[in-house]
Amino acid sequence: MLGLFKRYGFAAVVAVGLGLMTFVVLGKTVWDGVGSAVATASSPGGGRPGGGGGPGGPAPQVVAAQVAMHTFNDGLRAIGTAQARESIVLTPKVADTIRIIRFDSGDRVQRGQVLVEMSSVEQAADLAEVRAANEAAQEELRRTQELFDRGFASQARLDTVRASAEASAARLNAGGSRIADRTIRAPFAGVVGLRTASPGQYMRPGEQIGTLDDISEIKLDFDVPETQIARLAQGVEIVANTAAYPDRTFNGTIADIDSRVDPTTRTVRVRAILPNTDEALRPGMLLTVEVRSNPRQGLAIPEMAILDQADGAYVYRVVAREGGQAVELVRISTGQRSDGMAEVLSGLEAGNQVITEGVQSVRPGQPIQVGAPSAEALPLRPRG
């Protein structure tokens, strides 16, 4: 050692010392790991997922829900486009210049209200002339009728005057129609869309001045595969959703089913009616539709209570034990799942309680304490 010290100096001695210390530390770590593994393997429930707490530990706090009746439907989903109950494009019947527009964008109008007046100066002058001629013709007919009644006019004279008066009245009606064609009235009550023309603008038939929509109700058209026609009937409930209002649902009913199946797509067009009293829905909106046909009552539990395993579905059922409550693992058979609820076909009875929160912290036979659910995790209330 003295020779080593003299040959390599103090650095060699320090290196040897560090090596010995590292060996000691690694040996202790390995020994502690082995001891922990042995202790875990020998403890009750060791290595079991979700097996929190031994039999002598405190009972874990869980939340349970009661098995109750819920309304299930044969769900059928589709995509549809919203349409107004009534909808027109405001366009003139004759080519002429706009004299005045009596609405603004977004106005609510009543049936029969004048919306647009086209220029009609020439037609108004013609109508005044025809009206005067008609008055003269009607007066001539009155005088001739009196003369005929007194025997001073022949039947032929009376017939000629009467024909002239009727022709004059027809010309007056035609003149009035030409004036009416230059006046655009609202055929139904509704909301006017964006105005796309201005006074003084020359317009032709078919050119758009604006739009008028009655959106107190919405017609929702969607296509359904022909194989699902048996589920469709007038009055069947539908529920619609739109991305514009992610937190709302819109309820309606099927009003009509097309009499033909599209031979290309093998689908049938269905029309539903949605009340729209607050006018939240607008024509052209894309909506997802769920047809709720064949409603039925069935036992249900929140989906969050179900443990889906390779060999089936399980739940933890709350059972009464001496001195408190405990849990048991129960295999169940499920049916339809909707609205966060799962239909229970077998394995549970009405009134049973199943754990919805704290599932991972319990194991079969373990005592538990049932608490109130948190506001964020409340299950959907069963309908019906």
Protein backbone atom coordinates (compact mmCIF):
# COMPACT_ATOMS: atom_id res chain seq x y z
CA MET A 1 0.00 0.00 0.00
CA LEU A 2 2.84 2.37 0.85
CA GLY A 3 4.45 1.58 -2.48
CA LEU A 4 1.13 2.18 -4.22
CA PHE A 5 0.79 5.50 -2.51
CA LYS A 6 4.29 6.47 -3.54
CA ARG A 7 3.77 5.32 -7.14
CA TYR A 8 0.30 6.69 -7.96
CA GLY A 9 -0.10 9.28 -5.31
CA PHE A 10 -3.10 10.40 -3.36
CA ALA A 11 -5.52 10.33 -6.38
CA ALA A 12 -5.41 6.56 -6.63
CA VAL A 13 -6.38 6.13 -3.00
CA VAL A 14 -9.37 8.46 -3.41
CA ALA A 15 -10.62 6.51 -6.44
CA VAL A 16 -10.51 3.22 -4.54
CA GLY A 17 -12.46 4.77 -1.66
CA LEU A 18 -15.23 6.06 -3.93
CA GLY A 19 -15.62 2.63 -5.50
CA LEU A 20 -16.15 1.00 -2.12
CA MET A 21 -18.81 3.56 -1.14
CA THR A 22 -20.73 3.01 -4.43
CA PHE A 23 -20.79 -0.74 -3.86
CA VAL A 24 -22.24 -0.29 -0.37
CA VAL A 25 -25.01 2.08 -1.55
CA LEU A 26 -26.12 -0.17 -4.46
CA GLY A 27 -26.23 -3.19 -2.22
CA LYS A 28 -28.52 -1.46 0.27
CA THR A 29 -30.91 -0.29 -2.51
CA VAL A 30 -31.27 -3.79 -3.96
CA TRP A 31 -31.88 -5.28 -0.52
CA ASP A 32 -34.61 -2.69 0.28
CA GLY A 33 -36.39 -3.39 -3.06
CA VAL A 34 -36.48 -7.09 -2.39
CA GLY A 35 -37.90 -6.48 1.07
CA SER A 36 -40.66 -4.24 -0.27
CA ALA A 37 -41.68 -6.79 -2.92
CA VAL A 38 -41.91 -9.54 -0.32
CA ALA A 39 -44.01 -7.33 1.97
CA THR A 40 -46.38 -6.38 -0.89
CA ALA A 41 -46.87 -9.98 -1.98
CA SER A 42 -47.68 -11.08 1.55
CA SER A 43 -50.15 -8.23 2.34
CA PRO A 44 -53.99 -8.79 1.83
CA GLY A 45 -55.15 -7.55 -1.60
CA GLY A 46 -51.58 -6.78 -2.67
CA GLY A 47 -51.12 -6.30 -6.41
CA ARG A 48 -54.92 -6.17 -7.09
CA PRO A 49 -56.09 -3.13 -9.13
CA GLY A 50 -58.57 -1.06 -7.23
CA GLY A 51 -58.06 -2.97 -4.02
CA GLY A 52 -57.60 0.03 -1.77
CA GLY A 53 -57.36 -0.45 2.00
CA GLY A 54 -57.28 -3.61 3.99
CA PRO A 55 -60.21 -5.04 5.94
CA GLY A 56 -59.10 -3.24 9.03
CA GLY A 57 -58.68 0.16 7.30
CA PRO A 58 -61.26 2.95 7.14
CA ALA A 59 -64.28 2.36 4.88
CA PRO A 60 -63.89 4.36 1.62
CA GLN A 61 -66.42 7.04 0.73
CA VAL A 62 -68.40 6.28 -2.47
CA VAL A 63 -71.42 7.59 -4.36
CA ALA A 64 -74.28 5.31 -5.38
CA ALA A 65 -77.27 5.60 -7.71
CA GLN A 66 -80.55 3.74 -7.52
CA VAL A 67 -81.74 1.39 -10.22
CA ALA A 68 -84.90 3.00 -11.63
CA MET A 69 -87.19 2.99 -14.65
CA HIS A 70 -86.14 4.96 -17.73
CA THR A 71 -87.68 5.55 -21.16
CA PHE A 72 -85.69 4.01 -24.01
CA ASN A 73 -86.30 4.36 -27.74
CA ASP A 74 -85.16 2.66 -30.90
CA GLY A 75 -82.76 5.45 -31.78
CA LEU A 76 -82.39 6.39 -35.46
CA ARG A 77 -79.97 9.19 -36.34
CA ALA A 78 -79.81 11.37 -39.44
CA ILE A 79 -78.74 14.81 -40.62
CA GLY A 80 -81.23 17.38 -41.88
CA THR A 81 -81.48 20.98 -43.04
CA ALA A 82 -83.82 23.52 -41.47
CA GLN A 83 -86.36 25.31 -43.65
CA ALA A 84 -88.81 28.09 -42.89
CA ARG A 85 -92.47 27.21 -42.50
CA GLU A 86 -93.16 29.58 -45.41
CA SER A 87 -90.51 31.31 -47.51
CA ILE A 88 -90.52 33.50 -50.64
CA VAL A 89 -88.16 35.73 -52.61
CA LEU A 90 -89.47 39.26 -53.09
CA THR A 91 -89.31 39.96 -56.83
CA PRO A 92 -91.38 42.16 -59.18
CA LYS A 93 -93.96 40.72 -61.57
CA VAL A 94 -93.15 43.27 -64.27
CA ALA A 95 -89.98 45.00 -65.37
CA ASP A 96 -89.97 48.53 -64.01
CA THR A 97 -88.26 50.95 -61.65
CA ILE A 98 -88.68 50.70 -57.88
CA ARG A 99 -90.56 53.74 -56.64
CA ILE A 100 -90.43 53.05 -52.90
CA ILE A 101 -89.40 50.24 -50.53
CA ARG A 102 -91.52 50.14 -47.40
CA PHE A 103 -89.40 47.76 -45.29
CA ASP A 104 -85.92 47.52 -43.88
CA SER A 105 -83.73 44.46 -43.29
CA GLY A 106 -84.96 42.36 -40.38
CA ASP A 107 -88.41 43.98 -40.13
CA ARG A 108 -91.35 41.91 -38.95
CA VAL A 109 -94.30 42.38 -41.29
CA GLN A 110 -97.95 41.36 -41.32
CA ARG A 111 -99.93 39.58 -43.98
CA GLY A 112 -101.11 41.97 -46.71
CA GLN A 113 -98.65 44.71 -45.75
CA VAL A 114 -97.25 46.69 -48.71
CA LEU A 115 -93.52 46.02 -49.05
CA VAL A 116 -92.50 47.46 -52.43
CA GLU A 117 -94.14 49.84 -54.91
CA MET A 118 -92.91 49.95 -58.49
CA SER A 119 -93.20 53.02 -60.69
CA SER A 120 -96.75 53.17 -62.08
CA VAL A 121 -97.33 56.75 -63.29
CA GLU A 122 -98.35 55.71 -66.79
CA GLN A 123 -100.53 52.90 -65.53
CA ALA A 124 -102.19 55.21 -63.01
CA ALA A 125 -103.05 57.68 -65.79
CA ASP A 126 -104.47 54.90 -67.94
CA LEU A 127 -106.47 53.64 -64.98
CA ALA A 128 -107.97 57.09 -64.40
CA GLU A 129 -109.02 57.29 -68.04
CA VAL A 130 -110.55 53.83 -67.98
CA ARG A 131 -112.34 54.57 -64.72
CA ALA A 132 -113.94 57.69 -66.21
CA ALA A 133 -115.01 55.77 -69.30
CA ASN A 134 -116.50 53.05 -67.14
CA GLU A 135 -118.52 55.54 -65.12
CA ALA A 136 -119.94 57.01 -68.36
CA ALA A 137 -120.75 53.53 -69.65
CA GLN A 138 -122.51 52.54 -66.44
CA GLU A 139 -124.54 55.77 -66.49
CA GLU A 140 -125.53 55.12 -70.12
CA LEU A 141 -126.67 51.62 -69.14
CA ARG A 142 -128.77 53.04 -66.30
CA ARG A 143 -130.56 55.53 -68.59
CA THR A 144 -131.16 52.96 -71.32
CA GLN A 145 -132.60 50.53 -68.78
CA GLU A 146 -135.08 53.22 -67.64
CA LEU A 147 -136.11 53.94 -71.25
CA PHE A 148 -136.54 50.24 -71.92
CA ASP A 149 -138.70 49.85 -68.83
CA ARG A 150 -140.96 52.71 -70.06
CA GLY A 151 -141.13 51.29 -73.57
CA PHE A 152 -139.03 53.95 -75.26
CA ALA A 153 -135.97 51.73 -76.03
CA SER A 154 -135.71 48.43 -77.83
CA GLN A 155 -134.24 45.23 -76.48
CA ALA A 156 -131.46 45.38 -79.05
CA ARG A 157 -130.47 48.88 -77.89
CA LEU A 158 -130.41 47.75 -74.26
CA ASP A 159 -128.26 44.71 -75.09
CA THR A 160 -125.74 46.85 -76.97
CA VAL A 161 -125.40 49.36 -74.13
CA ARG A 162 -125.10 46.58 -71.56
CA ALA A 163 -122.30 44.89 -73.52
CA SER A 164 -120.44 48.19 -73.78
CA ALA A 165 -120.75 48.75 -70.02
CA GLU A 166 -119.48 45.25 -69.24
CA ALA A 167 -116.48 45.74 -71.54
CA SER A 168 -115.71 49.04 -69.83
CA ALA A 169 -115.85 47.37 -66.41
CA ALA A 170 -113.48 44.65 -67.65
CA ARG A 171 -110.99 47.28 -68.85
CA LEU A 172 -111.19 48.92 -65.43
CA ASN A 173 -110.41 45.63 -63.69
CA ALA A 174 -107.49 45.01 -66.05
CA GLY A 175 -106.09 48.45 -65.29
CA GLY A 176 -106.42 47.81 -61.58
CA SER A 177 -104.57 44.49 -61.97
CA ARG A 178 -101.71 46.24 -63.77
CA ILE A 179 -101.41 48.65 -60.85
CA ALA A 180 -101.58 45.74 -58.35
CA ASP A 181 -98.80 43.93 -60.22
CA ARG A 182 -96.56 46.87 -59.43
CA THR A 183 -97.28 46.60 -55.70
CA ILE A 184 -95.63 43.76 -53.73
CA ARG A 185 -97.50 42.74 -50.58
CA ALA A 186 -96.59 40.21 -47.88
CA PRO A 187 -98.57 37.00 -48.55
CA PHE A 188 -98.02 35.90 -44.92
CA ALA A 189 -96.66 37.30 -41.68
CA GLY A 190 -92.95 36.86 -41.17
CA VAL A 191 -89.49 38.39 -41.01
CA VAL A 192 -87.90 40.19 -43.94
CA GLY A 193 -84.30 39.28 -44.72
CA LEU A 194 -81.55 41.50 -46.05
CA ARG A 195 -82.67 44.12 -48.56
CA THR A 196 -80.77 43.73 -51.85
CA ALA A 197 -82.23 46.60 -53.93
CA SER A 198 -82.78 50.35 -53.64
CA PRO A 199 -85.43 52.87 -54.73
CA GLY A 200 -84.89 53.98 -58.32
CA GLN A 201 -83.31 50.68 -59.33
CA TYR A 202 -84.63 49.03 -62.50
CA MET A 203 -85.75 45.50 -61.76
CA ARG A 204 -86.86 42.58 -63.91
CA PRO A 205 -89.07 39.64 -62.91
CA GLY A 206 -86.99 37.09 -60.99
CA GLU A 207 -84.46 39.61 -59.66
CA GLN A 208 -84.34 39.64 -55.86
CA ILE A 209 -85.35 42.62 -53.77
CA GLY A 210 -85.34 40.70 -50.48
CA THR A 211 -86.71 37.59 -48.76
CA LEU A 212 -89.63 36.88 -46.45
CA ASP A 213 -89.66 33.91 -44.04
CA ASP A 214 -92.14 32.63 -41.50
CA ILE A 215 -89.90 30.93 -38.91
CA SER A 216 -92.45 30.49 -36.13
CA GLU A 217 -92.07 26.80 -37.01
CA ILE A 218 -89.21 25.04 -38.74
CA LYS A 219 -89.58 22.31 -41.34
CA LEU A 220 -86.73 19.84 -40.94
CA ASP A 221 -86.15 17.51 -43.89
CA PHE A 222 -83.83 14.52 -43.56
CA ASP A 223 -83.21 11.23 -45.36
CA VAL A 224 -83.66 7.80 -43.78
CA PRO A 225 -82.60 4.43 -45.25
CA GLU A 226 -85.47 2.49 -46.73
CA THR A 227 -84.76 -0.36 -44.30
CA GLN A 228 -85.88 1.91 -41.45
CA ILE A 229 -89.24 2.92 -42.92
CA ALA A 230 -91.10 0.65 -40.48
CA ARG A 231 -89.94 2.90 -37.60
CA LEU A 232 -91.40 6.04 -39.17
CA ALA A 233 -94.91 7.35 -38.72
CA GLN A 234 -96.66 10.68 -38.34
CA GLY A 235 -96.45 11.93 -34.77
CA VAL A 236 -93.24 10.06 -33.84
CA GLU A 237 -91.05 12.22 -31.59
CA ILE A 238 -87.74 13.58 -32.86
CA VAL A 239 -84.95 15.46 -31.08
CA ALA A 240 -82.64 17.77 -33.01
CA ASN A 241 -79.32 19.42 -32.13
CA THR A 242 -77.23 22.04 -33.84
CA ALA A 243 -73.64 23.21 -33.37
CA ALA A 244 -74.94 26.77 -33.05
CA TYR A 245 -76.56 25.88 -29.69
CA PRO A 246 -74.53 22.97 -28.25
CA ASP A 247 -76.36 23.11 -24.89
CA ARG A 248 -79.90 23.01 -26.32
CA THR A 249 -82.13 20.36 -27.81
CA PHE A 250 -85.10 21.04 -30.07
CA ASN A 251 -88.08 18.69 -29.86
CA GLY A 252 -90.58 18.06 -32.63
CA THR A 253 -92.62 15.39 -34.39
CA ILE A 254 -92.65 13.76 -37.80
CA ALA A 255 -95.25 15.48 -39.98
CA ASP A 256 -94.91 13.80 -43.38
CA ILE A 257 -93.06 10.96 -45.11
CA ASP A 258 -92.38 11.09 -48.83
CA SER A 259 -94.38 8.66 -50.93
CA ARG A 260 -91.31 7.59 -52.93
CA VAL A 261 -87.93 6.04 -52.19
CA ASP A 262 -84.96 7.53 -54.04
CA PRO A 263 -83.79 4.69 -56.34
CA THR A 264 -80.21 6.02 -56.34
CA THR A 265 -79.59 6.46 -52.61
CA ARG A 266 -82.27 3.99 -51.41
CA THR A 267 -83.49 6.57 -48.90
CA VAL A 268 -86.83 8.21 -48.17
CA ARG A 269 -87.28 11.90 -47.37
CA VAL A 270 -88.91 12.64 -43.99
CA ARG A 271 -90.23 16.02 -42.84
CA ALA A 272 -90.51 16.97 -39.17
CA ILE A 273 -91.93 20.15 -37.62
CA LEU A 274 -90.06 21.93 -34.83
CA PRO A 275 -91.69 24.74 -32.82
CA ASN A 276 -89.48 27.83 -32.97
CA THR A 277 -91.21 30.40 -30.81
CA ASP A 278 -87.98 32.17 -29.86
CA GLU A 279 -86.79 32.02 -33.50
CA ALA A 280 -83.44 30.55 -32.46
CA LEU A 281 -83.37 28.24 -35.47
CA ARG A 282 -82.78 29.78 -38.90
CA PRO A 283 -83.46 28.37 -42.37
CA GLY A 284 -80.45 26.60 -43.79
CA MET A 285 -79.07 25.39 -40.42
CA LEU A 286 -77.61 21.88 -40.32
CA LEU A 287 -79.12 19.74 -37.55
CA THR A 288 -78.53 16.22 -36.31
CA VAL A 289 -81.76 14.32 -35.80
CA GLU A 290 -82.64 11.46 -33.48
CA VAL A 291 -85.92 9.69 -34.22
CA ARG A 292 -87.31 8.29 -30.98
CA SER A 293 -89.59 5.53 -32.15
CA ASN A 294 -90.95 2.58 -30.18
CA PRO A 295 -90.65 4.14 -26.69
CA ARG A 296 -90.55 1.64 -23.84
CA GLN A 297 -89.84 1.55 -20.11
CA GLY A 298 -86.89 -0.39 -18.71
CA LEU A 299 -84.61 -0.62 -15.68
CA ALA A 300 -81.62 1.66 -16.04
CA ILE A 301 -78.43 2.75 -14.29
CA PRO A 302 -75.88 5.47 -15.10
CA GLU A 303 -73.31 4.27 -17.64
CA MET A 304 -70.51 5.47 -15.37
CA ALA A 305 -71.35 2.67 -12.91
CA ILE A 306 -70.58 -0.10 -15.42
CA LEU A 307 -67.24 -1.93 -15.46
CA ASP A 308 -66.85 -3.33 -18.98
CA GLN A 309 -64.61 -6.40 -18.88
CA ALA A 310 -63.61 -8.94 -21.53
CA ASP A 311 -66.14 -11.46 -20.21
CA GLY A 312 -69.03 -9.00 -19.75
CA ALA A 313 -70.31 -6.01 -17.81
CA TYR A 314 -70.11 -5.72 -14.01
CA VAL A 315 -71.25 -3.27 -11.34
CA TYR A 316 -70.60 -2.88 -7.61
CA ARG A 317 -73.92 -3.28 -5.81
CA VAL A 318 -74.41 -1.86 -2.33
CA VAL A 319 -75.59 -4.50 0.16
CA ALA A 320 -76.52 -4.28 3.82
CA ARG A 321 -74.13 -5.92 6.28
CA GLU A 322 -74.04 -6.09 10.06
CA GLY A 323 -72.92 -2.72 11.28
CA GLY A 324 -73.16 -0.89 7.95
CA GLN A 325 -72.95 -1.33 4.20
CA ALA A 326 -70.63 -3.25 1.89
CA VAL A 327 -70.30 -3.97 -1.81
CA GLU A 328 -70.53 -7.03 -4.00
CA LEU A 329 -69.45 -7.45 -7.61
CA VAL A 330 -72.45 -8.35 -9.82
CA ARG A 331 -72.44 -9.34 -13.45
CA ILE A 332 -75.23 -7.72 -15.46
CA SER A 333 -76.63 -7.86 -18.97
CA THR A 334 -77.15 -4.49 -20.67
CA GLY A 335 -79.28 -3.35 -23.56
CA GLN A 336 -79.58 0.05 -25.16
CA ARG A 337 -77.51 3.00 -23.94
CA SER A 338 -78.63 6.60 -24.38
CA ASP A 339 -78.54 9.93 -22.56
CA GLY A 340 -75.85 8.60 -20.20
CA MET A 341 -78.11 5.76 -19.04
CA ALA A 342 -77.77 2.03 -19.73
CA GLU A 343 -80.65 -0.42 -19.94
CA VAL A 344 -80.35 -3.33 -17.50
CA LEU A 345 -81.76 -6.58 -18.84
CA SER A 346 -80.68 -8.85 -15.96
CA GLY A 347 -78.59 -8.91 -12.79
CA LEU A 348 -80.26 -6.04 -10.90
CA GLU A 349 -83.68 -5.17 -9.54
CA ALA A 350 -85.52 -1.90 -9.09
CA GLY A 351 -84.39 -0.17 -5.92
CA ASN A 352 -80.88 -1.67 -5.90
CA GLN A 353 -78.01 0.77 -5.48
CA VAL A 354 -74.85 0.67 -7.60
CA ILE A 355 -71.64 2.61 -7.10
CA THR A 356 -71.06 5.41 -9.59
CA GLU A 357 -68.14 7.23 -7.95
CA GLY A 358 -65.29 5.54 -6.11
CA VAL A 359 -65.43 2.30 -8.12
CA GLN A 360 -61.66 2.04 -8.30
CA SER A 361 -61.22 2.27 -4.53
CA VAL A 362 -63.37 -0.72 -3.46
CA ARG A 363 -63.31 -4.48 -3.78
CA PRO A 364 -65.95 -7.17 -3.19
CA GLY A 365 -67.04 -7.53 0.43
CA GLN A 366 -65.41 -4.29 1.56
CA PRO A 367 -67.32 -1.98 3.95
CA ILE A 368 -68.17 1.41 2.42
CA GLN A 369 -69.71 4.75 3.28
CA VAL A 370 -72.25 6.09 0.77
CA GLY A 371 -72.09 9.86 0.33
CA ALA A 372 -73.82 12.50 -1.82
CA PRO A 373 -72.72 12.88 -5.47
CA SER A 374 -70.74 15.89 -6.58
CA ALA A 375 -72.48 18.51 -8.73
CA GLU A 376 -70.29 17.65 -11.74
CA ALA A 377 -71.02 13.92 -11.59
CA LEU A 378 -74.76 13.81 -11.05
CA PRO A 379 -76.25 11.10 -13.29
CA LEU A 380 -79.05 11.95 -15.67
CA ARG A 381 -82.44 11.65 -14.04
CA PRO A 382 -84.40 8.74 -15.48
CA ARG A 383 -87.31 9.85 -17.61
CA GLY A 384 -90.72 8.31 -17.23
